[in-house]
């Protein structure tokens, strides 16, 4: 098996376990490495040699030089991050051989991907949203992680996100989860087949009217997994949560909607959290002046350092 770290993982911990795991045939990479440093894993399988170019997630703060972060604007940094990754991919794929099955696995976001909206906004947008041409064409299959929605990516090489194994958010309610089974031989494109998994704790969204709460929810009393119940009200009801959970104790979320209010904005229109804009607004309200570019740059640097530190410690910022 080959394991790579994602943005939710501690690269330090995975690197620390890699030597122990190697004794049972598992290659684990916490951080990207060049081919000569172990970034390419060669495996002798029962049906022939397999070559895996592995690209764990890496933050821009760790990949870019300090001078780049302080002296280059956002557009220049974006180009540099993309260029560094493209250069590393080129180094890794130089180890590919025609007689091998050659696979790329990477934890990153390509611009063509459709998000599930349970991902971390900061690590799926801006500098982390990469053009498809960043991925090299030399592989027979490119296995992607980071986006939780299973999907094929239109590319010259068969490329796909297998997605998360469980539904992580109610925006994913009803979405089929599973894994990709790859059939491939040297010199030919891979055949990709999605294999669904039965969901033991599915997420379900239930909409009901104020006058039909009991009748509607009774049909979900034995529903496995968890519920999000949206109740359309004429006016506020005291004890609504207790009433709903008495009928369906597996309810995690309860929302109300007024008949005179438009429905919630769909997830793709929700504006992601922007720490710089939030800090800029706070500064304007409390101090009454406009932030200087040097202060913005210093704040971005500190925020990225803190985000990276929290990620390595297995926590969320």
Protein backbone atom coordinates (compact mmCIF):
# COMPACT_ATOMS: atom_id res chain seq x y z
CA UNK A 1 0.00 0.00 0.00
CA UNK A 2 1.01 3.62 -0.57
CA UNK A 3 -0.22 6.35 1.78
CA UNK A 4 0.13 10.12 1.35
CA UNK A 5 -0.78 12.88 3.80
CA UNK A 6 -3.61 15.29 3.14
CA UNK A 7 -4.25 18.76 4.53
CA UNK A 8 -6.16 17.24 7.50
CA UNK A 9 -3.21 15.04 8.43
CA UNK A 10 -0.05 15.67 10.39
CA UNK A 11 2.80 15.27 7.93
CA UNK A 12 5.22 15.00 10.88
CA UNK A 13 3.36 12.05 12.40
CA UNK A 14 3.10 10.18 9.11
CA UNK A 15 6.80 10.70 8.43
CA UNK A 16 7.53 9.42 11.94
CA UNK A 17 5.56 6.21 11.30
CA UNK A 18 6.92 5.60 7.80
CA UNK A 19 9.89 3.43 8.84
CA UNK A 20 7.72 1.20 11.03
CA UNK A 21 5.08 0.86 8.30
CA UNK A 22 7.73 -0.02 5.72
CA UNK A 23 8.33 -3.34 7.52
CA UNK A 24 4.81 -4.50 6.61
CA UNK A 25 4.93 -3.30 3.00
CA UNK A 26 3.35 0.14 3.42
CA UNK A 27 5.03 3.24 1.98
CA UNK A 28 3.91 6.43 3.77
CA UNK A 29 4.84 9.97 2.70
CA UNK A 30 4.03 12.95 4.88
CA UNK A 31 5.66 15.57 2.66
CA UNK A 32 6.47 15.72 -1.06
CA UNK A 33 9.88 14.37 -2.02
CA UNK A 34 11.91 14.29 -5.19
CA UNK A 35 12.25 10.94 -6.94
CA UNK A 36 15.78 10.35 -5.66
CA UNK A 37 14.60 11.05 -2.09
CA UNK A 38 11.76 8.52 -2.15
CA UNK A 39 8.99 10.40 -3.93
CA UNK A 40 8.58 7.52 -6.39
CA UNK A 41 7.60 4.12 -4.99
CA UNK A 42 8.31 1.02 -7.04
CA UNK A 43 6.34 -2.10 -6.15
CA UNK A 44 6.75 -5.60 -7.55
CA UNK A 45 3.18 -6.88 -7.71
CA UNK A 46 2.02 -10.38 -8.60
CA UNK A 47 1.26 -9.13 -12.12
CA UNK A 48 4.27 -6.92 -12.79
CA UNK A 49 6.05 -3.75 -11.70
CA UNK A 50 4.05 -0.74 -10.47
CA UNK A 51 5.54 2.74 -10.23
CA UNK A 52 3.72 5.34 -8.08
CA UNK A 53 4.67 9.02 -8.15
CA UNK A 54 3.34 10.26 -4.80
CA UNK A 55 2.51 13.91 -4.06
CA UNK A 56 1.24 14.56 -0.52
CA UNK A 57 -0.41 17.88 0.27
CA UNK A 58 1.98 20.75 0.89
CA UNK A 59 1.16 24.28 2.01
CA UNK A 60 2.40 27.25 0.04
CA UNK A 61 4.25 28.48 3.14
CA UNK A 62 6.34 25.32 3.20
CA UNK A 63 6.88 25.18 -0.55
CA UNK A 64 7.60 28.84 -1.30
CA UNK A 65 10.65 30.59 0.00
CA UNK A 66 10.24 33.25 2.68
CA UNK A 67 11.52 35.85 0.21
CA UNK A 68 8.72 34.89 -2.22
CA UNK A 69 6.04 35.42 0.44
CA UNK A 70 7.32 38.87 1.37
CA UNK A 71 8.39 40.24 -2.01
CA UNK A 72 5.89 38.77 -4.50
CA UNK A 73 2.26 39.73 -4.90
CA UNK A 74 -0.55 37.15 -4.76
CA UNK A 75 -0.56 36.54 -8.50
CA UNK A 76 3.20 35.99 -8.58
CA UNK A 77 3.01 33.64 -5.58
CA UNK A 78 0.22 31.66 -7.27
CA UNK A 79 2.37 31.24 -10.37
CA UNK A 80 5.39 30.23 -8.27
CA UNK A 81 3.42 27.61 -6.28
CA UNK A 82 2.06 26.16 -9.51
CA UNK A 83 5.50 26.20 -11.14
CA UNK A 84 7.14 24.44 -8.18
CA UNK A 85 4.53 21.67 -8.22
CA UNK A 86 4.84 21.26 -12.00
CA UNK A 87 8.63 21.01 -11.64
CA UNK A 88 8.29 18.38 -8.91
CA UNK A 89 5.84 16.36 -11.02
CA UNK A 90 8.31 16.48 -13.91
CA UNK A 91 11.06 15.16 -11.62
CA UNK A 92 8.85 12.31 -10.38
CA UNK A 93 7.64 11.19 -13.79
CA UNK A 94 11.22 10.91 -15.10
CA UNK A 95 11.30 7.61 -13.19
CA UNK A 96 8.45 6.15 -15.24
CA UNK A 97 9.31 3.24 -17.54
CA UNK A 98 7.38 1.83 -20.50
CA UNK A 99 7.43 -1.70 -19.06
CA UNK A 100 5.86 -0.50 -15.79
CA UNK A 101 2.36 0.52 -14.81
CA UNK A 102 2.83 4.23 -13.99
CA UNK A 103 0.44 5.96 -11.58
CA UNK A 104 0.33 9.45 -10.06
CA UNK A 105 -1.41 10.00 -6.72
CA UNK A 106 -1.73 13.53 -5.40
CA UNK A 107 -3.63 15.49 -2.75
CA UNK A 108 -4.56 18.79 -4.39
CA UNK A 109 -7.34 20.80 -6.04
CA UNK A 110 -7.68 21.21 -9.79
CA UNK A 111 -9.77 24.09 -11.09
CA UNK A 112 -12.16 21.76 -12.94
CA UNK A 113 -13.19 19.90 -9.77
CA UNK A 114 -16.68 20.29 -8.29
CA UNK A 115 -16.52 20.77 -4.54
CA UNK A 116 -18.69 18.98 -1.99
CA UNK A 117 -18.53 22.06 0.33
CA UNK A 118 -17.35 19.98 3.27
CA UNK A 119 -13.71 20.75 2.37
CA UNK A 120 -11.63 23.45 4.05
CA UNK A 121 -12.20 26.62 1.99
CA UNK A 122 -8.72 28.01 2.56
CA UNK A 123 -6.97 24.97 1.06
CA UNK A 124 -9.23 24.59 -2.01
CA UNK A 125 -9.25 28.13 -3.42
CA UNK A 126 -6.89 30.88 -4.48
CA UNK A 127 -3.31 29.68 -4.71
CA UNK A 128 -4.35 26.06 -4.07
CA UNK A 129 -6.75 25.93 -7.06
CA UNK A 130 -4.44 24.64 -9.77
CA UNK A 131 -4.90 24.59 -13.56
CA UNK A 132 -5.35 21.11 -15.01
CA UNK A 133 -2.15 21.45 -17.05
CA UNK A 134 -0.20 21.28 -13.77
CA UNK A 135 -0.79 17.51 -13.91
CA UNK A 136 1.68 15.75 -16.23
CA UNK A 137 0.43 13.56 -19.12
CA UNK A 138 2.94 10.71 -18.66
CA UNK A 139 0.87 8.59 -16.24
CA UNK A 140 -1.71 5.94 -17.10
CA UNK A 141 -3.93 7.04 -14.23
CA UNK A 142 -3.96 10.03 -11.86
CA UNK A 143 -5.58 9.36 -8.48
CA UNK A 144 -6.60 12.59 -6.74
CA UNK A 145 -7.60 13.31 -3.17
CA UNK A 146 -8.70 16.52 -1.40
CA UNK A 147 -12.15 17.06 -2.94
CA UNK A 148 -14.81 14.99 -1.16
CA UNK A 149 -17.15 14.66 -4.15
CA UNK A 150 -16.42 11.58 -6.31
CA UNK A 151 -15.90 12.61 -9.93
CA UNK A 152 -13.94 12.14 -13.13
CA UNK A 153 -11.81 15.04 -14.31
CA UNK A 154 -11.62 15.65 -18.09
CA UNK A 155 -7.93 15.22 -18.86
CA UNK A 156 -5.70 13.58 -21.47
CA UNK A 157 -4.93 10.95 -18.81
CA UNK A 158 -7.74 9.11 -16.93
CA UNK A 159 -8.03 11.24 -13.78
CA UNK A 160 -10.49 11.00 -10.90
CA UNK A 161 -11.29 11.96 -7.33
CA UNK A 162 -12.60 8.92 -5.47
CA UNK A 163 -14.10 11.28 -2.87
CA UNK A 164 -14.72 10.73 0.82
CA UNK A 165 -15.84 7.29 2.01
CA UNK A 166 -18.70 8.73 4.07
CA UNK A 167 -21.08 11.67 3.76
CA UNK A 168 -19.37 14.47 5.70
CA UNK A 169 -21.96 17.23 5.42
CA UNK A 170 -25.69 17.53 4.78
CA UNK A 171 -24.90 19.06 1.39
CA UNK A 172 -23.72 15.51 0.56
CA UNK A 173 -26.98 13.90 1.75
CA UNK A 174 -28.04 11.19 -0.68
CA UNK A 175 -24.69 11.21 -2.49
CA UNK A 176 -23.31 7.77 -3.25
CA UNK A 177 -19.89 7.12 -1.74
CA UNK A 178 -17.33 4.48 -2.63
CA UNK A 179 -13.92 3.86 -4.14
CA UNK A 180 -12.36 3.50 -7.59
CA UNK A 181 -11.23 0.13 -8.90
CA UNK A 182 -8.49 0.58 -11.50
CA UNK A 183 -7.68 -1.96 -14.20
CA UNK A 184 -4.47 -1.09 -16.02
CA UNK A 185 -1.55 -2.64 -17.87
CA UNK A 186 1.71 -1.14 -19.18
CA UNK A 187 1.36 1.25 -22.08
CA UNK A 188 -2.44 1.52 -21.97
CA UNK A 189 -4.85 3.99 -20.31
CA UNK A 190 -6.45 2.78 -17.10
CA UNK A 191 -10.04 1.61 -16.90
CA UNK A 192 -11.78 3.27 -13.94
CA UNK A 193 -14.80 1.71 -12.26
CA UNK A 194 -16.56 3.34 -9.30
CA UNK A 195 -17.50 0.81 -6.62
CA UNK A 196 -20.22 2.10 -4.24
CA UNK A 197 -20.11 1.32 -0.53
CA UNK A 198 -23.16 0.87 1.67
CA UNK A 199 -23.46 3.83 4.01
CA UNK A 200 -24.07 2.75 7.61
CA UNK A 201 -24.78 6.29 8.82
CA UNK A 202 -26.36 8.14 5.86
CA UNK A 203 -27.30 11.81 6.13
CA UNK A 204 -30.88 12.76 5.25
CA UNK A 205 -32.55 16.16 4.90
CA UNK A 206 -36.25 16.29 5.86
CA UNK A 207 -38.50 19.23 4.95
CA UNK A 208 -41.83 19.60 6.72
CA UNK A 209 -44.62 22.07 7.35
CA UNK A 210 -45.44 23.32 10.85
CA UNK A 211 -48.82 21.59 10.79
CA UNK A 212 -47.38 18.28 9.53
CA UNK A 213 -44.34 17.83 11.80
CA UNK A 214 -45.59 14.63 13.49
CA UNK A 215 -46.92 13.00 10.33
CA UNK A 216 -43.82 13.82 8.31
CA UNK A 217 -41.27 12.76 10.92
CA UNK A 218 -42.99 9.49 11.83
CA UNK A 219 -41.87 8.10 8.48
CA UNK A 220 -38.23 8.73 9.51
CA UNK A 221 -38.34 7.28 13.04
CA UNK A 222 -36.42 4.18 11.97
CA UNK A 223 -34.19 6.00 9.48
CA UNK A 224 -30.54 4.99 10.06
CA UNK A 225 -27.87 7.64 10.26
CA UNK A 226 -28.60 11.28 11.03
CA UNK A 227 -31.23 13.83 10.07
CA UNK A 228 -31.35 17.52 9.32
CA UNK A 229 -34.92 18.72 9.76
CA UNK A 230 -36.08 21.95 8.13
CA UNK A 231 -39.44 23.21 9.40
CA UNK A 232 -41.43 25.89 7.61
CA UNK A 233 -43.12 28.07 10.24
CA UNK A 234 -45.78 30.74 10.32
CA UNK A 235 -44.28 32.03 13.61
CA UNK A 236 -41.65 30.86 16.14
CA UNK A 237 -42.50 27.77 18.23
CA UNK A 238 -41.19 27.27 21.76
CA UNK A 239 -39.72 23.81 22.30
CA UNK A 240 -39.48 22.95 18.60
CA UNK A 241 -36.15 21.12 19.00
CA UNK A 242 -37.49 18.94 21.82
CA UNK A 243 -40.61 18.16 19.80
CA UNK A 244 -38.59 17.09 16.75
CA UNK A 245 -36.07 14.98 18.72
CA UNK A 246 -38.81 13.27 20.69
CA UNK A 247 -40.05 11.80 17.41
CA UNK A 248 -36.63 11.41 15.72
CA UNK A 249 -33.81 11.36 18.29
CA UNK A 250 -31.24 10.86 15.51
CA UNK A 251 -31.78 14.49 14.41
CA UNK A 252 -28.49 16.44 14.43
CA UNK A 253 -29.65 19.76 12.99
CA UNK A 254 -32.92 21.66 13.11
CA UNK A 255 -33.53 24.71 10.94
CA UNK A 256 -36.57 26.89 10.53
CA UNK A 257 -37.80 28.81 7.52
CA UNK A 258 -40.43 31.50 7.38
CA UNK A 259 -42.95 31.27 4.59
CA UNK A 260 -42.22 34.90 3.80
CA UNK A 261 -38.45 34.41 3.54
CA UNK A 262 -36.62 33.18 0.47
CA UNK A 263 -34.87 29.79 0.81
CA UNK A 264 -31.24 29.67 1.90
CA UNK A 265 -28.60 30.51 -0.69
CA UNK A 266 -27.38 27.31 -2.39
CA UNK A 267 -23.94 26.18 -1.21
CA UNK A 268 -22.09 27.18 -4.38
CA UNK A 269 -23.07 30.82 -3.78
CA UNK A 270 -21.91 30.97 -0.16
CA UNK A 271 -18.95 33.28 0.19
CA UNK A 272 -15.98 31.47 1.75
CA UNK A 273 -14.35 32.77 4.90
CA UNK A 274 -11.59 35.20 3.99
CA UNK A 275 -9.33 35.95 6.99
CA UNK A 276 -7.76 39.01 5.31
CA UNK A 277 -11.14 40.63 4.53
CA UNK A 278 -12.33 39.88 8.07
CA UNK A 279 -9.20 41.44 9.55
CA UNK A 280 -9.51 44.43 7.21
CA UNK A 281 -13.14 45.02 8.31
CA UNK A 282 -12.21 44.66 11.99
CA UNK A 283 -9.35 47.15 11.60
CA UNK A 284 -11.57 49.66 9.82
CA UNK A 285 -14.28 49.44 12.50
CA UNK A 286 -11.97 49.53 15.53
CA UNK A 287 -9.09 51.73 14.36
CA UNK A 288 -10.86 53.78 11.70
CA UNK A 289 -8.02 53.67 9.16
CA UNK A 290 -7.17 51.64 6.08
CA UNK A 291 -4.70 48.79 6.44
CA UNK A 292 -1.27 49.32 4.93
CA UNK A 293 -0.06 46.66 2.44
CA UNK A 294 2.84 45.80 4.77
CA UNK A 295 0.40 45.05 7.63
CA UNK A 296 -1.74 42.86 5.35
CA UNK A 297 1.35 40.90 4.26
CA UNK A 298 2.43 40.43 7.88
CA UNK A 299 -1.06 39.24 8.86
CA UNK A 300 -1.21 36.76 5.95
CA UNK A 301 2.17 35.33 6.95
CA UNK A 302 1.17 34.91 10.59
CA UNK A 303 -2.19 33.39 9.69
CA UNK A 304 -0.59 30.83 7.36
CA UNK A 305 2.00 29.92 10.00
CA UNK A 306 -0.74 29.38 12.58
CA UNK A 307 -2.87 27.37 10.14
CA UNK A 308 0.06 25.12 9.30
CA UNK A 309 0.94 24.68 12.97
CA UNK A 310 -2.64 23.72 13.86
CA UNK A 311 -2.78 21.25 10.95
CA UNK A 312 0.44 19.53 12.02
CA UNK A 313 -0.92 19.20 15.55
CA UNK A 314 -4.02 17.46 14.23
CA UNK A 315 -6.34 20.37 15.01
CA UNK A 316 -8.51 22.68 12.92
CA UNK A 317 -8.04 26.43 12.81
